[in-house]
Amino acid sequence: MELAAADVGYEVEGRPFRPHVTLARVRTPMTPERARTLARAARAVSYSATMFVDRLTLFDSATAGTGAHYHRLHTAPLGGR
């Protein structure tokens, strides 16, 4: 996904991937055309994987000049093996 985003002009971060879901993060307003371009790039990505998940953790993040700062709000253990 990161490489697909790079193809439409987003910077590649190059750090190890940590599986997560970002609900929303907006730094600057995005034009509708830019959003459509990014959506097309996302639909072109094919990814499939299986992994064991033993908990969900909800974080709040605040961005600053030094990068994002994360605060754990809640961790919910999941049933597992």
PDB file of N, CA and C in Angstrom:
ATOM      1  N   MET A   1       0.824  -1.187   0.000  1.00  0.00           N
ATOM      2  CA  MET A   1       0.000   0.000   0.000  1.00  0.00           C
ATOM      3  C   MET A   1       0.869   1.251   0.000  1.00  0.00           C
ATOM      4  N   GLU A   2       1.944   1.244   0.778  1.00  0.00           N
ATOM      5  CA  GLU A   2       2.798   2.418   0.865  1.00  0.00           C
ATOM      6  C   GLU A   2       3.401   2.750  -0.497  1.00  0.00           C
ATOM      7  N   LEU A   3       3.801   1.722  -1.237  1.00  0.00           N
ATOM      8  CA  LEU A   3       4.374   1.979  -2.561  1.00  0.00           C
ATOM      9  C   LEU A   3       3.326   2.502  -3.531  1.00  0.00           C
ATOM     10  N   ALA A   4       2.092   2.031  -3.406  1.00  0.00           N
ATOM     11  CA  ALA A   4       1.015   2.554  -4.245  1.00  0.00           C
ATOM     12  C   ALA A   4       0.785   4.029  -3.925  1.00  0.00           C
ATOM     13  N   ALA A   5       0.841   4.389  -2.662  1.00  0.00           N
ATOM     14  CA  ALA A   5       0.674   5.788  -2.282  1.00  0.00           C
ATOM     15  C   ALA A   5       1.844   6.626  -2.804  1.00  0.00           C
ATOM     16  N   ALA A   6       3.043   6.056  -2.798  1.00  0.00           N
ATOM     17  CA  ALA A   6       4.205   6.765  -3.320  1.00  0.00           C
ATOM     18  C   ALA A   6       4.044   7.051  -4.810  1.00  0.00           C
ATOM     19  N   ASP A   7       3.405   6.124  -5.522  1.00  0.00           N
ATOM     20  CA  ASP A   7       3.188   6.310  -6.956  1.00  0.00           C
ATOM     21  C   ASP A   7       2.311   7.515  -7.263  1.00  0.00           C
ATOM     22  N   VAL A   8       1.504   7.946  -6.302  1.00  0.00           N
ATOM     23  CA  VAL A   8       0.648   9.111  -6.525  1.00  0.00           C
ATOM     24  C   VAL A   8       1.139  10.323  -5.729  1.00  0.00           C
ATOM     25  N   GLY A   9       2.414  10.286  -5.297  1.00  0.00           N
ATOM     26  CA  GLY A   9       3.041  11.477  -4.736  1.00  0.00           C
ATOM     27  C   GLY A   9       3.211  11.547  -3.240  1.00  0.00           C
ATOM     28  N   TYR A  10       2.901  10.472  -2.498  1.00  0.00           N
ATOM     29  CA  TYR A  10       3.093  10.489  -1.051  1.00  0.00           C
ATOM     30  C   TYR A  10       4.480   9.962  -0.713  1.00  0.00           C
ATOM     31  N   GLU A  11       5.049  10.496   0.356  1.00  0.00           N
ATOM     32  CA  GLU A  11       6.394  10.102   0.776  1.00  0.00           C
ATOM     33  C   GLU A  11       6.388   8.719   1.424  1.00  0.00           C
ATOM     34  N   VAL A  12       7.373   7.886   1.055  1.00  0.00           N
ATOM     35  CA  VAL A  12       7.541   6.562   1.667  1.00  0.00           C
ATOM     36  C   VAL A  12       8.278   6.753   2.985  1.00  0.00           C
ATOM     37  N   GLU A  13       7.723   6.205   4.076  1.00  0.00           N
ATOM     38  CA  GLU A  13       8.327   6.397   5.394  1.00  0.00           C
ATOM     39  C   GLU A  13       9.537   5.501   5.615  1.00  0.00           C
ATOM     40  N   GLY A  14       9.510   4.289   5.089  1.00  0.00           N
ATOM     41  CA  GLY A  14      10.659   3.408   5.201  1.00  0.00           C
ATOM     42  C   GLY A  14      10.871   2.755   6.553  1.00  0.00           C
ATOM     43  N   ARG A  15       9.940   2.876   7.470  1.00  0.00           N
ATOM     44  CA  ARG A  15      10.097   2.230   8.780  1.00  0.00           C
ATOM     45  C   ARG A  15       9.336   0.912   8.782  1.00  0.00           C
ATOM     46  N   PRO A  16       9.660   0.008   9.708  1.00  0.00           N
ATOM     47  CA  PRO A  16       8.979  -1.287   9.742  1.00  0.00           C
ATOM     48  C   PRO A  16       7.474  -1.125   9.916  1.00  0.00           C
ATOM     49  N   PHE A  17       6.723  -2.012   9.272  1.00  0.00           N
ATOM     50  CA  PHE A  17       5.270  -1.960   9.342  1.00  0.00           C
ATOM     51  C   PHE A  17       4.769  -2.565  10.636  1.00  0.00           C
ATOM     52  N   ARG A  18       3.861  -1.886  11.298  1.00  0.00           N
ATOM     53  CA  ARG A  18       3.164  -2.399  12.474  1.00  0.00           C
ATOM     54  C   ARG A  18       1.685  -2.397  12.127  1.00  0.00           C
ATOM     55  N   PRO A  19       1.065  -3.567  12.050  1.00  0.00           N
ATOM     56  CA  PRO A  19      -0.349  -3.615  11.664  1.00  0.00           C
ATOM     57  C   PRO A  19      -1.199  -2.723  12.569  1.00  0.00           C
ATOM     58  N   HIS A  20      -2.012  -1.898  11.942  1.00  0.00           N
ATOM     59  CA  HIS A  20      -2.872  -0.995  12.692  1.00  0.00           C
ATOM     60  C   HIS A  20      -3.970  -0.473  11.784  1.00  0.00           C
ATOM     61  N   VAL A  21      -4.940   0.153  12.373  1.00  0.00           N
ATOM     62  CA  VAL A  21      -6.008   0.814  11.630  1.00  0.00           C
ATOM     63  C   VAL A  21      -6.040   2.257  12.097  1.00  0.00           C
ATOM     64  N   THR A  22      -5.870   3.178  11.172  1.00  0.00           N
ATOM     65  CA  THR A  22      -5.988   4.597  11.481  1.00  0.00           C
ATOM     66  C   THR A  22      -7.390   5.024  11.088  1.00  0.00           C
ATOM     67  N   LEU A  23      -8.164   5.510  12.045  1.00  0.00           N
ATOM     68  CA  LEU A  23      -9.536   5.918  11.763  1.00  0.00           C
ATOM     69  C   LEU A  23      -9.576   7.227  10.987  1.00  0.00           C
ATOM     70  N   ALA A  24      -8.737   8.164  11.342  1.00  0.00           N
ATOM     71  CA  ALA A  24      -8.698   9.436  10.612  1.00  0.00           C
ATOM     72  C   ALA A  24      -7.449  10.208  10.994  1.00  0.00           C
ATOM     73  N   ARG A  25      -6.858  10.826   9.994  1.00  0.00           N
ATOM     74  CA  ARG A  25      -5.753  11.746  10.238  1.00  0.00           C
ATOM     75  C   ARG A  25      -5.705  12.671   9.035  1.00  0.00           C
ATOM     76  N   VAL A  26      -5.888  13.948   9.281  1.00  0.00           N
ATOM     77  CA  VAL A  26      -5.878  14.925   8.197  1.00  0.00           C
ATOM     78  C   VAL A  26      -4.924  16.041   8.576  1.00  0.00           C
ATOM     79  N   ARG A  27      -3.902  16.225   7.776  1.00  0.00           N
ATOM     80  CA  ARG A  27      -2.948  17.310   8.048  1.00  0.00           C
ATOM     81  C   ARG A  27      -3.343  18.573   7.286  1.00  0.00           C
ATOM     82  N   THR A  28      -3.707  18.409   6.043  1.00  0.00           N
ATOM     83  CA  THR A  28      -4.159  19.530   5.228  1.00  0.00           C
ATOM     84  C   THR A  28      -5.369  19.061   4.436  1.00  0.00           C
ATOM     85  N   PRO A  29      -6.247  19.967   4.079  1.00  0.00           N
ATOM     86  CA  PRO A  29      -7.422  19.566   3.299  1.00  0.00           C
ATOM     87  C   PRO A  29      -7.008  18.888   1.989  1.00  0.00           C
ATOM     88  N   MET A  30      -7.755  17.874   1.598  1.00  0.00           N
ATOM     89  CA  MET A  30      -7.463  17.135   0.376  1.00  0.00           C
ATOM     90  C   MET A  30      -8.542  17.453  -0.653  1.00  0.00           C
ATOM     91  N   THR A  31      -8.117  17.751  -1.859  1.00  0.00           N
ATOM     92  CA  THR A  31      -9.092  18.025  -2.907  1.00  0.00           C
ATOM     93  C   THR A  31      -9.811  16.739  -3.277  1.00  0.00           C
ATOM     94  N   PRO A  32     -11.034  16.847  -3.765  1.00  0.00           N
ATOM     95  CA  PRO A  32     -11.756  15.642  -4.182  1.00  0.00           C
ATOM     96  C   PRO A  32     -10.992  14.841  -5.248  1.00  0.00           C
ATOM     97  N   GLU A  33     -10.341  15.520  -6.178  1.00  0.00           N
ATOM     98  CA  GLU A  33      -9.580  14.805  -7.213  1.00  0.00           C
ATOM     99  C   GLU A  33      -8.415  14.034  -6.588  1.00  0.00           C
ATOM    100  N   ARG A  34      -7.722  14.622  -5.636  1.00  0.00           N
ATOM    101  CA  ARG A  34      -6.604  13.945  -4.957  1.00  0.00           C
ATOM    102  C   ARG A  34      -7.127  12.723  -4.193  1.00  0.00           C
ATOM    103  N   ALA A  35      -8.286  12.853  -3.551  1.00  0.00           N
ATOM    104  CA  ALA A  35      -8.879  11.729  -2.823  1.00  0.00           C
ATOM    105  C   ALA A  35      -9.244  10.607  -3.788  1.00  0.00           C
ATOM    106  N   ARG A  36      -9.782  10.944  -4.955  1.00  0.00           N
ATOM    107  CA  ARG A  36     -10.122   9.913  -5.943  1.00  0.00           C
ATOM    108  C   ARG A  36      -8.860   9.223  -6.461  1.00  0.00           C
ATOM    109  N   THR A  37      -7.801   9.980  -6.687  1.00  0.00           N
ATOM    110  CA  THR A  37      -6.537   9.397  -7.148  1.00  0.00           C
ATOM    111  C   THR A  37      -5.989   8.421  -6.116  1.00  0.00           C
ATOM    112  N   LEU A  38      -6.019   8.801  -4.856  1.00  0.00           N
ATOM    113  CA  LEU A  38      -5.533   7.926  -3.789  1.00  0.00           C
ATOM    114  C   LEU A  38      -6.423   6.694  -3.661  1.00  0.00           C
ATOM    115  N   ALA A  39      -7.735   6.856  -3.788  1.00  0.00           N
ATOM    116  CA  ALA A  39      -8.661   5.714  -3.714  1.00  0.00           C
ATOM    117  C   ALA A  39      -8.409   4.735  -4.849  1.00  0.00           C
ATOM    118  N   ARG A  40      -8.147   5.238  -6.055  1.00  0.00           N
ATOM    119  CA  ARG A  40      -7.832   4.346  -7.179  1.00  0.00           C
ATOM    120  C   ARG A  40      -6.552   3.563  -6.906  1.00  0.00           C
ATOM    121  N   ALA A  41      -5.535   4.231  -6.368  1.00  0.00           N
ATOM    122  CA  ALA A  41      -4.277   3.546  -6.048  1.00  0.00           C
ATOM    123  C   ALA A  41      -4.504   2.477  -4.988  1.00  0.00           C
ATOM    124  N   ALA A  42      -5.330   2.758  -3.981  1.00  0.00           N
ATOM    125  CA  ALA A  42      -5.612   1.788  -2.915  1.00  0.00           C
ATOM    126  C   ALA A  42      -6.347   0.571  -3.463  1.00  0.00           C
ATOM    127  N   ARG A  43      -7.293   0.788  -4.381  1.00  0.00           N
ATOM    128  CA  ARG A  43      -8.035  -0.347  -4.953  1.00  0.00           C
ATOM    129  C   ARG A  43      -7.136  -1.243  -5.797  1.00  0.00           C
ATOM    130  N   ALA A  44      -6.035  -0.717  -6.306  1.00  0.00           N
ATOM    131  CA  ALA A  44      -5.134  -1.494  -7.155  1.00  0.00           C
ATOM    132  C   ALA A  44      -4.223  -2.415  -6.341  1.00  0.00           C
ATOM    133  N   VAL A  45      -4.173  -2.228  -5.037  1.00  0.00           N
ATOM    134  CA  VAL A  45      -3.300  -3.032  -4.178  1.00  0.00           C
ATOM    135  C   VAL A  45      -4.008  -4.326  -3.807  1.00  0.00           C
ATOM    136  N   SER A  46      -3.285  -5.428  -3.965  1.00  0.00           N
ATOM    137  CA  SER A  46      -3.808  -6.725  -3.554  1.00  0.00           C
ATOM    138  C   SER A  46      -2.935  -7.238  -2.417  1.00  0.00           C
ATOM    139  N   TYR A  47      -3.557  -7.536  -1.293  1.00  0.00           N
ATOM    140  CA  TYR A  47      -2.804  -7.981  -0.128  1.00  0.00           C
ATOM    141  C   TYR A  47      -3.607  -9.032   0.610  1.00  0.00           C
ATOM    142  N   SER A  48      -2.929 -10.073   1.030  1.00  0.00           N
ATOM    143  CA  SER A  48      -3.582 -11.119   1.799  1.00  0.00           C
ATOM    144  C   SER A  48      -2.582 -11.668   2.808  1.00  0.00           C
ATOM    145  N   ALA A  49      -3.031 -11.801   4.037  1.00  0.00           N
ATOM    146  CA  ALA A  49      -2.164 -12.354   5.077  1.00  0.00           C
ATOM    147  C   ALA A  49      -3.028 -12.904   6.205  1.00  0.00           C
ATOM    148  N   THR A  50      -2.453 -13.797   6.960  1.00  0.00           N
ATOM    149  CA  THR A  50      -3.096 -14.333   8.147  1.00  0.00           C
ATOM    150  C   THR A  50      -2.156 -14.080   9.314  1.00  0.00           C
ATOM    151  N   MET A  51      -2.708 -13.573  10.404  1.00  0.00           N
ATOM    152  CA  MET A  51      -1.877 -13.344  11.580  1.00  0.00           C
ATOM    153  C   MET A  51      -2.707 -13.554  12.835  1.00  0.00           C
ATOM    154  N   PHE A  52      -2.047 -13.865  13.895  1.00  0.00           N
ATOM    155  CA  PHE A  52      -2.675 -14.056  15.196  1.00  0.00           C
ATOM    156  C   PHE A  52      -2.776 -12.691  15.879  1.00  0.00           C
ATOM    157  N   VAL A  53      -3.953 -12.350  16.344  1.00  0.00           N
ATOM    158  CA  VAL A  53      -4.179 -11.086  17.056  1.00  0.00           C
ATOM    159  C   VAL A  53      -4.701 -11.439  18.441  1.00  0.00           C
ATOM    160  N   ASP A  54      -3.979 -11.021  19.477  1.00  0.00           N
ATOM    161  CA  ASP A  54      -4.385 -11.371  20.837  1.00  0.00           C
ATOM    162  C   ASP A  54      -4.972 -10.205  21.626  1.00  0.00           C
ATOM    163  N   ARG A  55      -4.913  -8.981  21.043  1.00  0.00           N
ATOM    164  CA  ARG A  55      -5.481  -7.835  21.736  1.00  0.00           C
ATOM    165  C   ARG A  55      -5.690  -6.678  20.747  1.00  0.00           C
ATOM    166  N   LEU A  56      -6.593  -5.806  21.119  1.00  0.00           N
ATOM    167  CA  LEU A  56      -6.793  -4.555  20.392  1.00  0.00           C
ATOM    168  C   LEU A  56      -6.437  -3.430  21.341  1.00  0.00           C
ATOM    169  N   THR A  57      -5.675  -2.473  20.871  1.00  0.00           N
ATOM    170  CA  THR A  57      -5.299  -1.332  21.693  1.00  0.00           C
ATOM    171  C   THR A  57      -5.734  -0.062  20.987  1.00  0.00           C
ATOM    172  N   LEU A  58      -6.443   0.793  21.708  1.00  0.00           N
ATOM    173  CA  LEU A  58      -6.898   2.062  21.179  1.00  0.00           C
ATOM    174  C   LEU A  58      -5.939   3.151  21.636  1.00  0.00           C
ATOM    175  N   PHE A  59      -5.387   3.877  20.667  1.00  0.00           N
ATOM    176  CA  PHE A  59      -4.466   4.969  20.958  1.00  0.00           C
ATOM    177  C   PHE A  59      -5.067   6.289  20.516  1.00  0.00           C
ATOM    178  N   ASP A  60      -4.699   7.338  21.208  1.00  0.00           N
ATOM    179  CA  ASP A  60      -4.948   8.695  20.758  1.00  0.00           C
ATOM    180  C   ASP A  60      -3.594   9.213  20.287  1.00  0.00           C
ATOM    181  N   SER A  61      -3.576   9.924  19.180  1.00  0.00           N
ATOM    182  CA  SER A  61      -2.303  10.470  18.720  1.00  0.00           C
ATOM    183  C   SER A  61      -2.438  11.962  18.486  1.00  0.00           C
ATOM    184  N   ALA A  62      -1.369  12.659  18.768  1.00  0.00           N
ATOM    185  CA  ALA A  62      -1.296  14.096  18.523  1.00  0.00           C
ATOM    186  C   ALA A  62      -0.007  14.349  17.764  1.00  0.00           C
ATOM    187  N   THR A  63      -0.103  15.070  16.682  1.00  0.00           N
ATOM    188  CA  THR A  63       1.093  15.362  15.908  1.00  0.00           C
ATOM    189  C   THR A  63       1.707  16.670  16.383  1.00  0.00           C
ATOM    190  N   ALA A  64       3.024  16.704  16.317  1.00  0.00           N
ATOM    191  CA  ALA A  64       3.777  17.893  16.708  1.00  0.00           C
ATOM    192  C   ALA A  64       4.968  18.006  15.764  1.00  0.00           C
ATOM    193  N   GLY A  65       5.724  19.042  15.893  1.00  0.00           N
ATOM    194  CA  GLY A  65       6.904  19.233  15.051  1.00  0.00           C
ATOM    195  C   GLY A  65       7.916  18.113  15.170  1.00  0.00           C
ATOM    196  N   THR A  66       7.876  17.391  16.278  1.00  0.00           N
ATOM    197  CA  THR A  66       8.819  16.294  16.499  1.00  0.00           C
ATOM    198  C   THR A  66       8.237  14.944  16.104  1.00  0.00           C
ATOM    199  N   GLY A  67       7.052  14.941  15.491  1.00  0.00           N
ATOM    200  CA  GLY A  67       6.407  13.690  15.099  1.00  0.00           C
ATOM    201  C   GLY A  67       5.168  13.433  15.938  1.00  0.00           C
ATOM    202  N   ALA A  68       4.585  12.278  15.740  1.00  0.00           N
ATOM    203  CA  ALA A  68       3.359  11.927  16.461  1.00  0.00           C
ATOM    204  C   ALA A  68       3.689  11.435  17.872  1.00  0.00           C
ATOM    205  N   HIS A  69       2.827  11.761  18.788  1.00  0.00           N
ATOM    206  CA  HIS A  69       2.926  11.276  20.162  1.00  0.00           C
ATOM    207  C   HIS A  69       1.670  10.454  20.432  1.00  0.00           C
ATOM    208  N   TYR A  70       1.868   9.243  20.957  1.00  0.00           N
ATOM    209  CA  TYR A  70       0.762   8.310  21.143  1.00  0.00           C
ATOM    210  C   TYR A  70       0.479   8.099  22.616  1.00  0.00           C
ATOM    211  N   HIS A  71      -0.811   8.014  22.941  1.00  0.00           N
ATOM    212  CA  HIS A  71      -1.250   7.768  24.313  1.00  0.00           C
ATOM    213  C   HIS A  71      -2.244   6.606  24.276  1.00  0.00           C
ATOM    214  N   ARG A  72      -1.896   5.519  24.979  1.00  0.00           N
ATOM    215  CA  ARG A  72      -2.795   4.344  25.011  1.00  0.00           C
ATOM    216  C   ARG A  72      -4.024   4.667  25.858  1.00  0.00           C
ATOM    217  N   LEU A  73      -5.197   4.530  25.254  1.00  0.00           N
ATOM    218  CA  LEU A  73      -6.456   4.792  25.949  1.00  0.00           C
ATOM    219  C   LEU A  73      -7.032   3.538  26.576  1.00  0.00           C
ATOM    220  N   HIS A  74      -6.933   2.404  25.853  1.00  0.00           N
ATOM    221  CA  HIS A  74      -7.529   1.177  26.350  1.00  0.00           C
ATOM    222  C   HIS A  74      -6.965  -0.018  25.583  1.00  0.00           C
ATOM    223  N   THR A  75      -6.795  -1.136  26.266  1.00  0.00           N
ATOM    224  CA  THR A  75      -6.402  -2.389  25.642  1.00  0.00           C
ATOM    225  C   THR A  75      -7.448  -3.434  25.979  1.00  0.00           C
ATOM    226  N   ALA A  76      -7.925  -4.144  24.948  1.00  0.00           N
ATOM    227  CA  ALA A  76      -8.925  -5.183  25.135  1.00  0.00           C
ATOM    228  C   ALA A  76      -8.330  -6.513  24.699  1.00  0.00           C
ATOM    229  N   PRO A  77      -8.170  -7.467  25.628  1.00  0.00           N
ATOM    230  CA  PRO A  77      -7.677  -8.792  25.229  1.00  0.00           C
ATOM    231  C   PRO A  77      -8.737  -9.515  24.402  1.00  0.00           C
ATOM    232  N   LEU A  78      -8.280 -10.308  23.466  1.00  0.00           N
ATOM    233  CA  LEU A  78      -9.172 -11.080  22.604  1.00  0.00           C
ATOM    234  C   LEU A  78      -9.039 -12.563  22.929  1.00  0.00           C
ATOM    235  N   GLY A  79     -10.102 -13.301  22.737  1.00  0.00           N
ATOM    236  CA  GLY A  79     -10.028 -14.747  22.918  1.00  0.00           C
ATOM    237  C   GLY A  79      -9.057 -15.307  21.893  1.00  0.00           C
ATOM    238  N   GLY A  80      -8.438 -16.360  22.200  1.00  0.00           N
ATOM    239  CA  GLY A  80      -7.435 -16.864  21.276  1.00  0.00           C
ATOM    240  C   GLY A  80      -7.298 -18.358  21.351  1.00  0.00           C
ATOM    241  N   ARG A  81      -6.172 -18.772  20.938  1.00  0.00           N
ATOM    242  CA  ARG A  81      -5.852 -20.196  20.853  1.00  0.00           C
ATOM    243  C   ARG A  81      -5.841 -20.844  22.188  1.00  0.00           C
TER     244      ARG A  81
END
